């Protein structure tokens, strides 16, 4: 899956955690993308069974989409927290984590999580 698809799935997850329902307009506003761009991306995600859209236009993650969204969101949280703990200002840490979360390998991310857990246990 491409980075843009991961970003949409993560955004849907975050919005769903903040509000009861998610619609295309919510995604467009949150991501600051045009409605046609969001519509096109959502149709691709729907075709590939990452999301479902009901007759009222409410968007839900499928199991497949939810797994990816949760994985990306976890990476974002862990990486941004780590960067902030290292002294990076919050805005930069969030921006950098957003880029890193899409390219870091599972192996490297697991090593970072393990290191953080070990560090916290030593405190």
Protein backbone atom coordinates (compact mmCIF):
# COMPACT_ATOMS: atom_id res chain seq x y z
CA UNK A 1 0.00 0.00 0.00
CA UNK A 2 1.20 3.49 -0.80
CA UNK A 3 1.82 6.16 1.81
CA UNK A 4 -1.23 8.16 0.75
CA UNK A 5 -3.52 5.19 1.33
CA UNK A 6 -2.01 4.65 4.75
CA UNK A 7 -2.59 8.32 5.56
CA UNK A 8 -6.27 8.06 4.64
CA UNK A 9 -6.73 4.93 6.76
CA UNK A 10 -4.97 6.52 9.72
CA UNK A 11 -7.09 9.66 9.35
CA UNK A 12 -10.29 7.61 9.29
CA UNK A 13 -9.18 5.81 12.48
CA UNK A 14 -8.34 9.07 14.26
CA UNK A 15 -11.61 10.71 13.21
CA UNK A 16 -13.59 7.65 14.29
CA UNK A 17 -11.94 7.87 17.72
CA UNK A 18 -13.04 11.53 17.99
CA UNK A 19 -16.57 11.28 16.63
CA UNK A 20 -19.30 8.72 16.05
CA UNK A 21 -19.30 8.79 12.26
CA UNK A 22 -16.85 9.60 9.50
CA UNK A 23 -17.79 11.01 6.11
CA UNK A 24 -15.73 12.07 3.12
CA UNK A 25 -16.18 15.74 4.02
CA UNK A 26 -14.66 15.08 7.47
CA UNK A 27 -11.61 13.53 5.85
CA UNK A 28 -11.27 16.37 3.33
CA UNK A 29 -11.42 18.97 6.09
CA UNK A 30 -9.00 17.13 8.35
CA UNK A 31 -6.44 16.41 5.64
CA UNK A 32 -7.01 19.75 3.87
CA UNK A 33 -7.60 18.00 0.54
CA UNK A 34 -10.22 18.75 -2.08
CA UNK A 35 -13.43 16.76 -2.02
CA UNK A 36 -12.76 15.25 -5.48
CA UNK A 37 -9.29 14.07 -4.37
CA UNK A 38 -10.75 12.45 -1.26
CA UNK A 39 -13.57 10.87 -3.26
CA UNK A 40 -11.08 9.33 -5.70
CA UNK A 41 -8.87 7.98 -2.91
CA UNK A 42 -11.84 6.55 -1.02
CA UNK A 43 -13.11 4.77 -4.12
CA UNK A 44 -9.72 3.07 -4.48
CA UNK A 45 -9.69 2.09 -0.80
CA UNK A 46 -13.21 0.73 -1.14
CA UNK A 47 -12.29 -1.26 -4.28
CA UNK A 48 -9.35 -2.80 -2.43
CA UNK A 49 -11.57 -3.66 0.58
CA UNK A 50 -9.88 -1.34 3.09
CA UNK A 51 -13.09 0.60 3.81
CA UNK A 52 -16.82 0.27 3.42
CA UNK A 53 -19.24 3.11 2.74
CA UNK A 54 -22.89 2.75 3.63
CA UNK A 55 -25.89 4.26 1.84
CA UNK A 56 -25.67 7.40 4.02
CA UNK A 57 -22.01 7.95 3.12
CA UNK A 58 -20.61 6.85 6.47
CA UNK A 59 -17.16 5.34 6.15
CA UNK A 60 -15.92 2.40 8.19
CA UNK A 61 -12.62 0.58 8.16
CA UNK A 62 -12.78 -3.07 7.21
CA UNK A 63 -10.74 -5.54 9.24
CA UNK A 64 -8.01 -5.27 6.61
CA UNK A 65 -8.09 -1.46 6.71
CA UNK A 66 -8.23 -1.35 10.49
CA UNK A 67 -5.08 -3.47 10.83
CA UNK A 68 -3.10 -1.07 8.65
CA UNK A 69 -4.58 2.05 10.27
CA UNK A 70 -3.74 0.81 13.77
CA UNK A 71 -0.22 -0.16 12.73
CA UNK A 72 0.48 3.28 11.22
CA UNK A 73 -1.13 5.12 14.12
CA UNK A 74 0.93 3.16 16.66
CA UNK A 75 4.09 4.03 14.76
CA UNK A 76 3.09 7.70 14.72
CA UNK A 77 2.47 7.80 18.47
CA UNK A 78 5.60 5.89 19.45
CA UNK A 79 7.91 7.77 17.07
CA UNK A 80 6.58 11.23 17.93
CA UNK A 81 6.77 10.49 21.68
CA UNK A 82 10.33 9.25 21.26
CA UNK A 83 11.39 12.34 19.30
CA UNK A 84 9.79 14.67 21.85
CA UNK A 85 11.55 12.78 24.66
CA UNK A 86 14.83 13.30 22.80
CA UNK A 87 14.24 17.06 22.85
CA UNK A 88 12.71 17.67 19.43
CA UNK A 89 10.01 20.34 19.51
CA UNK A 90 6.46 18.95 19.28
CA UNK A 91 5.58 20.25 15.79
CA UNK A 92 8.80 18.95 14.26
CA UNK A 93 8.45 15.63 16.09
CA UNK A 94 4.89 15.16 14.80
CA UNK A 95 5.85 16.11 11.25
CA UNK A 96 8.91 13.84 11.24
CA UNK A 97 7.01 10.93 12.80
CA UNK A 98 4.38 11.30 10.08
CA UNK A 99 7.04 10.80 7.42
CA UNK A 100 9.02 8.09 9.20
CA UNK A 101 5.97 5.95 10.07
CA UNK A 102 5.48 5.05 6.41
CA UNK A 103 9.01 3.96 5.59
CA UNK A 104 10.41 2.38 8.74
CA UNK A 105 10.71 -1.41 8.58
CA UNK A 106 8.81 -3.66 10.96
CA UNK A 107 12.15 -4.86 12.32
CA UNK A 108 13.46 -1.36 13.09
CA UNK A 109 10.17 -0.28 14.64
CA UNK A 110 10.07 -3.38 16.84
CA UNK A 111 13.64 -2.63 17.99
CA UNK A 112 12.68 0.96 18.86
CA UNK A 113 9.62 -0.21 20.82
CA UNK A 114 11.74 -2.78 22.67
CA UNK A 115 14.38 -0.19 23.51
CA UNK A 116 11.78 2.27 24.82
CA UNK A 117 10.15 -0.44 26.96
CA UNK A 118 13.53 -1.46 28.41
CA UNK A 119 14.43 2.18 29.06
CA UNK A 120 11.15 2.79 30.89
CA UNK A 121 11.61 -0.36 33.00
CA UNK A 122 15.05 0.86 34.14
CA UNK A 123 13.64 4.14 35.45
